[in-house]
Amino acid sequence: MNDKLDEELRALRSEPTPAGYQQLESRIWQGIERVRQARAAAPTMLAVRAAAVVGALGLGVASGGATAAAVASQSQEVSAFSIQTELAPSTLLDHHE
């Protein structure tokens, strides 16, 4: 080993401990406690999120179904495969003989 390293370690040992190190252990335990509290609240938040997703899906299905039923009952003006197309050029020209 290097003798200079041993001398520097002895000199470092004689210096006072920095002020930030005095509260280090208590800050670590406080951080651990915050993580524990967050993990304890996680199942509740999961239930709330699941309920929100189910509510949004239900609302989407209900409003989409109502809109689809309303549109299905109306006659469609433009349809590529319809026999009675009101806006087709042949239909429009037949009326102007």
PDB file of N, CA and C in Angstrom:
ATOM      1  N   MET A   1       0.841  -1.181   0.000  1.00  0.00           N
ATOM      2  CA  MET A   1       0.000   0.000   0.000  1.00  0.00           C
ATOM      3  C   MET A   1       0.882   1.239   0.000  1.00  0.00           C
ATOM      4  N   ASN A   2       0.282   2.290  -0.340  1.00  0.00           N
ATOM      5  CA  ASN A   2       0.981   3.569  -0.392  1.00  0.00           C
ATOM      6  C   ASN A   2       0.950   4.218   0.989  1.00  0.00           C
ATOM      7  N   ASP A   3       2.106   4.654   1.487  1.00  0.00           N
ATOM      8  CA  ASP A   3       2.166   5.295   2.802  1.00  0.00           C
ATOM      9  C   ASP A   3       1.440   6.633   2.804  1.00  0.00           C
ATOM     10  N   LYS A   4       1.447   7.292   1.662  1.00  0.00           N
ATOM     11  CA  LYS A   4       0.770   8.580   1.569  1.00  0.00           C
ATOM     12  C   LYS A   4      -0.738   8.421   1.777  1.00  0.00           C
ATOM     13  N   LEU A   5      -1.294   7.331   1.287  1.00  0.00           N
ATOM     14  CA  LEU A   5      -2.723   7.071   1.469  1.00  0.00           C
ATOM     15  C   LEU A   5      -3.048   6.896   2.948  1.00  0.00           C
ATOM     16  N   ASP A   6      -2.204   6.159   3.677  1.00  0.00           N
ATOM     17  CA  ASP A   6      -2.428   5.977   5.105  1.00  0.00           C
ATOM     18  C   ASP A   6      -2.365   7.307   5.838  1.00  0.00           C
ATOM     19  N   GLU A   7      -1.445   8.163   5.466  1.00  0.00           N
ATOM     20  CA  GLU A   7      -1.329   9.470   6.108  1.00  0.00           C
ATOM     21  C   GLU A   7      -2.567  10.326   5.821  1.00  0.00           C
ATOM     22  N   GLU A   8      -3.056  10.281   4.603  1.00  0.00           N
ATOM     23  CA  GLU A   8      -4.241  11.059   4.248  1.00  0.00           C
ATOM     24  C   GLU A   8      -5.483  10.546   4.976  1.00  0.00           C
ATOM     25  N   LEU A   9      -5.594   9.230   5.144  1.00  0.00           N
ATOM     26  CA  LEU A   9      -6.730   8.674   5.880  1.00  0.00           C
ATOM     27  C   LEU A   9      -6.679   9.081   7.346  1.00  0.00           C
ATOM     28  N   ARG A  10      -5.482   9.101   7.959  1.00  0.00           N
ATOM     29  CA  ARG A  10      -5.344   9.541   9.352  1.00  0.00           C
ATOM     30  C   ARG A  10      -5.730  11.018   9.479  1.00  0.00           C
ATOM     31  N   ALA A  11      -5.313  11.833   8.526  1.00  0.00           N
ATOM     32  CA  ALA A  11      -5.642  13.260   8.561  1.00  0.00           C
ATOM     33  C   ALA A  11      -7.145  13.457   8.396  1.00  0.00           C
ATOM     34  N   LEU A  12      -7.745  12.676   7.531  1.00  0.00           N
ATOM     35  CA  LEU A  12      -9.189  12.769   7.315  1.00  0.00           C
ATOM     36  C   LEU A  12      -9.966  12.347   8.551  1.00  0.00           C
ATOM     37  N   ARG A  13      -9.460  11.354   9.251  1.00  0.00           N
ATOM     38  CA  ARG A  13     -10.116  10.866  10.462  1.00  0.00           C
ATOM     39  C   ARG A  13     -10.110  11.931  11.554  1.00  0.00           C
ATOM     40  N   SER A  14      -9.093  12.769  11.593  1.00  0.00           N
ATOM     41  CA  SER A  14      -8.994  13.787  12.638  1.00  0.00           C
ATOM     42  C   SER A  14      -9.893  14.989  12.361  1.00  0.00           C
ATOM     43  N   GLU A  15     -10.381  15.157  11.141  1.00  0.00           N
ATOM     44  CA  GLU A  15     -11.256  16.281  10.811  1.00  0.00           C
ATOM     45  C   GLU A  15     -12.656  16.047  11.363  1.00  0.00           C
ATOM     46  N   PRO A  16     -13.399  17.109  11.668  1.00  0.00           N
ATOM     47  CA  PRO A  16     -14.780  16.948  12.155  1.00  0.00           C
ATOM     48  C   PRO A  16     -15.691  16.442  11.037  1.00  0.00           C
ATOM     49  N   THR A  17     -16.732  15.764  11.437  1.00  0.00           N
ATOM     50  CA  THR A  17     -17.703  15.231  10.477  1.00  0.00           C
ATOM     51  C   THR A  17     -18.501  16.376   9.868  1.00  0.00           C
ATOM     52  N   PRO A  18     -18.694  16.397   8.559  1.00  0.00           N
ATOM     53  CA  PRO A  18     -19.495  17.468   7.938  1.00  0.00           C
ATOM     54  C   PRO A  18     -20.918  17.486   8.495  1.00  0.00           C
ATOM     55  N   ALA A  19     -21.532  18.659   8.496  1.00  0.00           N
ATOM     56  CA  ALA A  19     -22.867  18.838   9.087  1.00  0.00           C
ATOM     57  C   ALA A  19     -23.929  17.998   8.365  1.00  0.00           C
ATOM     58  N   GLY A  20     -23.806  17.809   7.080  1.00  0.00           N
ATOM     59  CA  GLY A  20     -24.799  17.039   6.326  1.00  0.00           C
ATOM     60  C   GLY A  20     -24.839  15.573   6.722  1.00  0.00           C
ATOM     61  N   TYR A  21     -23.739  15.073   7.220  1.00  0.00           N
ATOM     62  CA  TYR A  21     -23.683  13.666   7.609  1.00  0.00           C
ATOM     63  C   TYR A  21     -24.380  13.396   8.933  1.00  0.00           C
ATOM     64  N   GLN A  22     -24.594  14.426   9.739  1.00  0.00           N
ATOM     65  CA  GLN A  22     -25.226  14.232  11.042  1.00  0.00           C
ATOM     66  C   GLN A  22     -26.675  13.755  10.897  1.00  0.00           C
ATOM     67  N   GLN A  23     -27.366  14.241   9.864  1.00  0.00           N
ATOM     68  CA  GLN A  23     -28.783  13.913   9.654  1.00  0.00           C
ATOM     69  C   GLN A  23     -28.994  12.856   8.581  1.00  0.00           C
ATOM     70  N   LEU A  24     -27.938  12.250   8.117  1.00  0.00           N
ATOM     71  CA  LEU A  24     -28.033  11.308   7.005  1.00  0.00           C
ATOM     72  C   LEU A  24     -28.917  10.110   7.329  1.00  0.00           C
ATOM     73  N   GLU A  25     -28.717   9.502   8.479  1.00  0.00           N
ATOM     74  CA  GLU A  25     -29.490   8.313   8.834  1.00  0.00           C
ATOM     75  C   GLU A  25     -30.974   8.626   8.995  1.00  0.00           C
ATOM     76  N   SER A  26     -31.280   9.753   9.629  1.00  0.00           N
ATOM     77  CA  SER A  26     -32.698  10.096   9.811  1.00  0.00           C
ATOM     78  C   SER A  26     -33.364  10.401   8.473  1.00  0.00           C
ATOM     79  N   ARG A  27     -32.640  11.044   7.540  1.00  0.00           N
ATOM     80  CA  ARG A  27     -33.212  11.305   6.216  1.00  0.00           C
ATOM     81  C   ARG A  27     -33.460  10.009   5.449  1.00  0.00           C
ATOM     82  N   ILE A  28     -32.570   9.036   5.602  1.00  0.00           N
ATOM     83  CA  ILE A  28     -32.760   7.744   4.930  1.00  0.00           C
ATOM     84  C   ILE A  28     -33.994   7.047   5.471  1.00  0.00           C
ATOM     85  N   TRP A  29     -34.164   7.040   6.792  1.00  0.00           N
ATOM     86  CA  TRP A  29     -35.338   6.384   7.377  1.00  0.00           C
ATOM     87  C   TRP A  29     -36.627   7.105   6.994  1.00  0.00           C
ATOM     88  N   GLN A  30     -36.580   8.425   6.880  1.00  0.00           N
ATOM     89  CA  GLN A  30     -37.766   9.162   6.436  1.00  0.00           C
ATOM     90  C   GLN A  30     -38.118   8.807   4.989  1.00  0.00           C
ATOM     91  N   GLY A  31     -37.104   8.657   4.151  1.00  0.00           N
ATOM     92  CA  GLY A  31     -37.347   8.257   2.760  1.00  0.00           C
ATOM     93  C   GLY A  31     -37.944   6.863   2.673  1.00  0.00           C
ATOM     94  N   ILE A  32     -37.448   5.957   3.498  1.00  0.00           N
ATOM     95  CA  ILE A  32     -37.994   4.594   3.528  1.00  0.00           C
ATOM     96  C   ILE A  32     -39.452   4.626   3.975  1.00  0.00           C
ATOM     97  N   GLU A  33     -39.768   5.453   4.944  1.00  0.00           N
ATOM     98  CA  GLU A  33     -41.150   5.551   5.429  1.00  0.00           C
ATOM     99  C   GLU A  33     -42.072   6.118   4.348  1.00  0.00           C
ATOM    100  N   ARG A  34     -41.591   7.095   3.582  1.00  0.00           N
ATOM    101  CA  ARG A  34     -42.411   7.637   2.488  1.00  0.00           C
ATOM    102  C   ARG A  34     -42.692   6.574   1.430  1.00  0.00           C
ATOM    103  N   VAL A  35     -41.705   5.757   1.134  1.00  0.00           N
ATOM    104  CA  VAL A  35     -41.901   4.682   0.154  1.00  0.00           C
ATOM    105  C   VAL A  35     -42.903   3.670   0.681  1.00  0.00           C
ATOM    106  N   ARG A  36     -42.813   3.340   1.944  1.00  0.00           N
ATOM    107  CA  ARG A  36     -43.773   2.394   2.535  1.00  0.00           C
ATOM    108  C   ARG A  36     -45.187   2.934   2.480  1.00  0.00           C
ATOM    109  N   GLN A  37     -45.368   4.216   2.774  1.00  0.00           N
ATOM    110  CA  GLN A  37     -46.704   4.815   2.727  1.00  0.00           C
ATOM    111  C   GLN A  37     -47.244   4.842   1.298  1.00  0.00           C
ATOM    112  N   ALA A  38     -46.376   5.111   0.348  1.00  0.00           N
ATOM    113  CA  ALA A  38     -46.819   5.117  -1.056  1.00  0.00           C
ATOM    114  C   ALA A  38     -47.238   3.725  -1.499  1.00  0.00           C
ATOM    115  N   ARG A  39     -46.502   2.712  -1.069  1.00  0.00           N
ATOM    116  CA  ARG A  39     -46.866   1.337  -1.424  1.00  0.00           C
ATOM    117  C   ARG A  39     -48.156   0.911  -0.745  1.00  0.00           C
ATOM    118  N   ALA A  40     -48.420   1.418   0.452  1.00  0.00           N
ATOM    119  CA  ALA A  40     -49.662   1.074   1.144  1.00  0.00           C
ATOM    120  C   ALA A  40     -50.863   1.699   0.435  1.00  0.00           C
ATOM    121  N   ALA A  41     -50.683   2.858  -0.174  1.00  0.00           N
ATOM    122  CA  ALA A  41     -51.779   3.541  -0.870  1.00  0.00           C
ATOM    123  C   ALA A  41     -51.964   3.037  -2.302  1.00  0.00           C
ATOM    124  N   ALA A  42     -51.044   2.272  -2.818  1.00  0.00           N
ATOM    125  CA  ALA A  42     -51.104   1.819  -4.209  1.00  0.00           C
ATOM    126  C   ALA A  42     -52.336   0.969  -4.518  1.00  0.00           C
ATOM    127  N   PRO A  43     -52.754   0.002  -3.677  1.00  0.00           N
ATOM    128  CA  PRO A  43     -53.960  -0.772  -4.015  1.00  0.00           C
ATOM    129  C   PRO A  43     -55.216   0.087  -4.108  1.00  0.00           C
ATOM    130  N   THR A  44     -55.317   1.104  -3.277  1.00  0.00           N
ATOM    131  CA  THR A  44     -56.469   1.993  -3.343  1.00  0.00           C
ATOM    132  C   THR A  44     -56.472   2.758  -4.659  1.00  0.00           C
ATOM    133  N   MET A  45     -55.326   3.255  -5.057  1.00  0.00           N
ATOM    134  CA  MET A  45     -55.234   3.990  -6.313  1.00  0.00           C
ATOM    135  C   MET A  45     -55.504   3.075  -7.507  1.00  0.00           C
ATOM    136  N   LEU A  46     -55.102   1.824  -7.410  1.00  0.00           N
ATOM    137  CA  LEU A  46     -55.368   0.869  -8.486  1.00  0.00           C
ATOM    138  C   LEU A  46     -56.870   0.659  -8.650  1.00  0.00           C
ATOM    139  N   ALA A  47     -57.589   0.556  -7.539  1.00  0.00           N
ATOM    140  CA  ALA A  47     -59.043   0.389  -7.604  1.00  0.00           C
ATOM    141  C   ALA A  47     -59.706   1.625  -8.211  1.00  0.00           C
ATOM    142  N   VAL A  48     -59.228   2.800  -7.849  1.00  0.00           N
ATOM    143  CA  VAL A  48     -59.799   4.038  -8.397  1.00  0.00           C
ATOM    144  C   VAL A  48     -59.543   4.116  -9.901  1.00  0.00           C
ATOM    145  N   ARG A  49     -58.342   3.769 -10.320  1.00  0.00           N
ATOM    146  CA  ARG A  49     -58.024   3.800 -11.749  1.00  0.00           C
ATOM    147  C   ARG A  49     -58.855   2.785 -12.525  1.00  0.00           C
ATOM    148  N   ALA A  50     -59.017   1.599 -11.966  1.00  0.00           N
ATOM    149  CA  ALA A  50     -59.818   0.570 -12.639  1.00  0.00           C
ATOM    150  C   ALA A  50     -61.268   1.022 -12.768  1.00  0.00           C
ATOM    151  N   ALA A  51     -61.800   1.640 -11.716  1.00  0.00           N
ATOM    152  CA  ALA A  51     -63.176   2.133 -11.774  1.00  0.00           C
ATOM    153  C   ALA A  51     -63.322   3.223 -12.833  1.00  0.00           C
ATOM    154  N   ALA A  52     -62.327   4.093 -12.957  1.00  0.00           N
ATOM    155  CA  ALA A  52     -62.378   5.151 -13.972  1.00  0.00           C
ATOM    156  C   ALA A  52     -62.347   4.562 -15.381  1.00  0.00           C
ATOM    157  N   VAL A  53     -61.533   3.542 -15.593  1.00  0.00           N
ATOM    158  CA  VAL A  53     -61.458   2.901 -16.917  1.00  0.00           C
ATOM    159  C   VAL A  53     -62.775   2.209 -17.249  1.00  0.00           C
ATOM    160  N   VAL A  54     -63.351   1.503 -16.295  1.00  0.00           N
ATOM    161  CA  VAL A  54     -64.625   0.814 -16.527  1.00  0.00           C
ATOM    162  C   VAL A  54     -65.728   1.830 -16.800  1.00  0.00           C
ATOM    163  N   GLY A  55     -65.735   2.935 -16.066  1.00  0.00           N
ATOM    164  CA  GLY A  55     -66.740   3.979 -16.303  1.00  0.00           C
ATOM    165  C   GLY A  55     -66.603   4.599 -17.676  1.00  0.00           C
ATOM    166  N   ALA A  56     -65.362   4.867 -18.085  1.00  0.00           N
ATOM    167  CA  ALA A  56     -65.143   5.455 -19.416  1.00  0.00           C
ATOM    168  C   ALA A  56     -65.552   4.488 -20.519  1.00  0.00           C
ATOM    169  N   LEU A  57     -65.238   3.216 -20.352  1.00  0.00           N
ATOM    170  CA  LEU A  57     -65.649   2.226 -21.354  1.00  0.00           C
ATOM    171  C   LEU A  57     -67.166   2.106 -21.436  1.00  0.00           C
ATOM    172  N   GLY A  58     -67.822   2.084 -20.284  1.00  0.00           N
ATOM    173  CA  GLY A  58     -69.280   2.000 -20.268  1.00  0.00           C
ATOM    174  C   GLY A  58     -69.931   3.201 -20.925  1.00  0.00           C
ATOM    175  N   LEU A  59     -69.413   4.392 -20.626  1.00  0.00           N
ATOM    176  CA  LEU A  59     -69.947   5.600 -21.235  1.00  0.00           C
ATOM    177  C   LEU A  59     -69.708   5.607 -22.742  1.00  0.00           C
ATOM    178  N   GLY A  60     -68.546   5.149 -23.172  1.00  0.00           N
ATOM    179  CA  GLY A  60     -68.243   5.091 -24.600  1.00  0.00           C
ATOM    180  C   GLY A  60     -69.132   4.115 -25.346  1.00  0.00           C
ATOM    181  N   VAL A  61     -69.349   2.954 -24.758  1.00  0.00           N
ATOM    182  CA  VAL A  61     -70.215   1.952 -25.400  1.00  0.00           C
ATOM    183  C   VAL A  61     -71.649   2.454 -25.474  1.00  0.00           C
ATOM    184  N   ALA A  62     -72.131   3.081 -24.397  1.00  0.00           N
ATOM    185  CA  ALA A  62     -73.514   3.565 -24.387  1.00  0.00           C
ATOM    186  C   ALA A  62     -73.715   4.683 -25.402  1.00  0.00           C
ATOM    187  N   SER A  63     -72.821   5.661 -25.414  1.00  0.00           N
ATOM    188  CA  SER A  63     -73.005   6.771 -26.350  1.00  0.00           C
ATOM    189  C   SER A  63     -72.743   6.334 -27.792  1.00  0.00           C
ATOM    190  N   GLY A  64     -71.782   5.448 -27.996  1.00  0.00           N
ATOM    191  CA  GLY A  64     -71.536   4.935 -29.346  1.00  0.00           C
ATOM    192  C   GLY A  64     -72.695   4.111 -29.864  1.00  0.00           C
ATOM    193  N   GLY A  65     -73.274   3.305 -28.991  1.00  0.00           N
ATOM    194  CA  GLY A  65     -74.431   2.507 -29.394  1.00  0.00           C
ATOM    195  C   GLY A  65     -75.630   3.371 -29.728  1.00  0.00           C
ATOM    196  N   ALA A  66     -75.857   4.421 -28.947  1.00  0.00           N
ATOM    197  CA  ALA A  66     -76.976   5.317 -29.220  1.00  0.00           C
ATOM    198  C   ALA A  66     -76.762   6.068 -30.533  1.00  0.00           C
ATOM    199  N   THR A  67     -75.551   6.500 -30.766  1.00  0.00           N
ATOM    200  CA  THR A  67     -75.252   7.200 -32.015  1.00  0.00           C
ATOM    201  C   THR A  67     -75.381   6.264 -33.212  1.00  0.00           C
ATOM    202  N   ALA A  68     -74.901   5.046 -33.070  1.00  0.00           N
ATOM    203  CA  ALA A  68     -74.992   4.078 -34.163  1.00  0.00           C
ATOM    204  C   ALA A  68     -76.447   3.744 -34.478  1.00  0.00           C
ATOM    205  N   ALA A  69     -77.276   3.623 -33.456  1.00  0.00           N
ATOM    206  CA  ALA A  69     -78.693   3.328 -33.682  1.00  0.00           C
ATOM    207  C   ALA A  69     -79.386   4.504 -34.377  1.00  0.00           C
ATOM    208  N   ALA A  70     -79.018   5.721 -33.994  1.00  0.00           N
ATOM    209  CA  ALA A  70     -79.634   6.895 -34.624  1.00  0.00           C
ATOM    210  C   ALA A  70     -79.208   7.021 -36.083  1.00  0.00           C
ATOM    211  N   VAL A  71     -77.961   6.760 -36.375  1.00  0.00           N
ATOM    212  CA  VAL A  71     -77.474   6.866 -37.748  1.00  0.00           C
ATOM    213  C   VAL A  71     -78.012   5.724 -38.605  1.00  0.00           C
ATOM    214  N   ALA A  72     -78.162   4.550 -38.048  1.00  0.00           N
ATOM    215  CA  ALA A  72     -78.658   3.405 -38.813  1.00  0.00           C
ATOM    216  C   ALA A  72     -80.107   3.597 -39.235  1.00  0.00           C
ATOM    217  N   SER A  73     -80.879   4.327 -38.459  1.00  0.00           N
ATOM    218  CA  SER A  73     -82.281   4.522 -38.815  1.00  0.00           C
ATOM    219  C   SER A  73     -82.453   5.579 -39.907  1.00  0.00           C
ATOM    220  N   GLN A  74     -81.457   6.406 -40.167  1.00  0.00           N
ATOM    221  CA  GLN A  74     -81.549   7.418 -41.209  1.00  0.00           C
ATOM    222  C   GLN A  74     -81.136   6.820 -42.557  1.00  0.00           C
ATOM    223  N   SER A  75     -81.704   7.375 -43.608  1.00  0.00           N
ATOM    224  CA  SER A  75     -81.292   6.910 -44.934  1.00  0.00           C
ATOM    225  C   SER A  75     -79.973   7.584 -45.288  1.00  0.00           C
ATOM    226  N   GLN A  76     -79.105   6.820 -45.904  1.00  0.00           N
ATOM    227  CA  GLN A  76     -77.791   7.326 -46.273  1.00  0.00           C
ATOM    228  C   GLN A  76     -77.835   7.852 -47.697  1.00  0.00           C
ATOM    229  N   GLU A  77     -77.348   9.090 -47.919  1.00  0.00           N
ATOM    230  CA  GLU A  77     -77.356   9.680 -49.248  1.00  0.00           C
ATOM    231  C   GLU A  77     -76.274   9.082 -50.139  1.00  0.00           C
ATOM    232  N   VAL A  78     -75.101   8.855 -49.572  1.00  0.00           N
ATOM    233  CA  VAL A  78     -73.985   8.392 -50.366  1.00  0.00           C
ATOM    234  C   VAL A  78     -73.586   7.007 -49.886  1.00  0.00           C
ATOM    235  N   SER A  79     -73.658   6.042 -50.796  1.00  0.00           N
ATOM    236  CA  SER A  79     -73.234   4.692 -50.495  1.00  0.00           C
ATOM    237  C   SER A  79     -72.673   4.095 -51.772  1.00  0.00           C
ATOM    238  N   ALA A  80     -71.528   3.510 -51.683  1.00  0.00           N
ATOM    239  CA  ALA A  80     -70.854   3.002 -52.878  1.00  0.00           C
ATOM    240  C   ALA A  80     -71.597   1.831 -53.509  1.00  0.00           C
ATOM    241  N   PHE A  81     -72.314   1.054 -52.731  1.00  0.00           N
ATOM    242  CA  PHE A  81     -72.952  -0.153 -53.256  1.00  0.00           C
ATOM    243  C   PHE A  81     -74.478  -0.078 -53.250  1.00  0.00           C
ATOM    244  N   SER A  82     -75.015   1.105 -53.115  1.00  0.00           N
ATOM    245  CA  SER A  82     -76.469   1.269 -53.081  1.00  0.00           C
ATOM    246  C   SER A  82     -77.040   1.291 -54.499  1.00  0.00           C
ATOM    247  N   ILE A  83     -78.239   0.784 -54.669  1.00  0.00           N
ATOM    248  CA  ILE A  83     -78.901   0.786 -55.970  1.00  0.00           C
ATOM    249  C   ILE A  83     -79.515   2.154 -56.232  1.00  0.00           C
ATOM    250  N   GLN A  84     -80.032   2.786 -55.205  1.00  0.00           N
ATOM    251  CA  GLN A  84     -80.671   4.090 -55.346  1.00  0.00           C
ATOM    252  C   GLN A  84     -79.714   5.173 -54.818  1.00  0.00           C
ATOM    253  N   THR A  85     -78.861   5.624 -55.664  1.00  0.00           N
ATOM    254  CA  THR A  85     -77.937   6.684 -55.270  1.00  0.00           C
ATOM    255  C   THR A  85     -78.463   7.996 -55.816  1.00  0.00           C
ATOM    256  N   GLU A  86     -78.824   8.907 -54.953  1.00  0.00           N
ATOM    257  CA  GLU A  86     -79.440  10.166 -55.366  1.00  0.00           C
ATOM    258  C   GLU A  86     -78.434  11.117 -56.004  1.00  0.00           C
ATOM    259  N   LEU A  87     -77.170  11.035 -55.637  1.00  0.00           N
ATOM    260  CA  LEU A  87     -76.179  11.972 -56.155  1.00  0.00           C
ATOM    261  C   LEU A  87     -75.318  11.382 -57.263  1.00  0.00           C
ATOM    262  N   ALA A  88     -75.652  10.211 -57.768  1.00  0.00           N
ATOM    263  CA  ALA A  88     -74.880   9.621 -58.858  1.00  0.00           C
ATOM    264  C   ALA A  88     -75.118  10.420 -60.134  1.00  0.00           C
ATOM    265  N   PRO A  89     -74.091  10.570 -60.995  1.00  0.00           N
ATOM    266  CA  PRO A  89     -74.278  11.348 -62.248  1.00  0.00           C
ATOM    267  C   PRO A  89     -75.393  10.792 -63.120  1.00  0.00           C
ATOM    268  N   SER A  90     -75.522   9.482 -63.198  1.00  0.00           N
ATOM    269  CA  SER A  90     -76.581   8.916 -64.029  1.00  0.00           C
ATOM    270  C   SER A  90     -77.958   9.255 -63.491  1.00  0.00           C
ATOM    271  N   THR A  91     -78.138   9.293 -62.209  1.00  0.00           N
ATOM    272  CA  THR A  91     -79.413   9.650 -61.602  1.00  0.00           C
ATOM    273  C   THR A  91     -79.692  11.131 -61.806  1.00  0.00           C
ATOM    274  N   LEU A  92     -78.681  11.946 -61.663  1.00  0.00           N
ATOM    275  CA  LEU A  92     -78.871  13.384 -61.849  1.00  0.00           C
ATOM    276  C   LEU A  92     -79.182  13.733 -63.303  1.00  0.00           C
ATOM    277  N   LEU A  93     -78.585  13.024 -64.263  1.00  0.00           N
ATOM    278  CA  LEU A  93     -78.810  13.304 -65.686  1.00  0.00           C
ATOM    279  C   LEU A  93     -80.141  12.785 -66.169  1.00  0.00           C
ATOM    280  N   ASP A  94     -80.691  11.728 -65.518  1.00  0.00           N
ATOM    281  CA  ASP A  94     -81.973  11.175 -65.925  1.00  0.00           C
ATOM    282  C   ASP A  94     -83.103  12.167 -65.704  1.00  0.00           C
ATOM    283  N   HIS A  95     -82.981  13.046 -64.758  1.00  0.00           N
ATOM    284  CA  HIS A  95     -84.049  13.980 -64.450  1.00  0.00           C
ATOM    285  C   HIS A  95     -84.056  15.182 -65.375  1.00  0.00           C
ATOM    286  N   HIS A  96     -82.988  15.404 -66.114  1.00  0.00           N
ATOM    287  CA  HIS A  96     -82.872  16.598 -66.966  1.00  0.00           C
ATOM    288  C   HIS A  96     -82.926  16.218 -68.450  1.00  0.00           C
ATOM    289  N   GLU A  97     -83.937  15.555 -68.912  1.00  0.00           N
ATOM    290  CA  GLU A  97     -84.014  15.135 -70.309  1.00  0.00           C
ATOM    291  C   GLU A  97     -84.450  16.187 -71.226  1.00  0.00           C
TER     292      GLU A  97
END
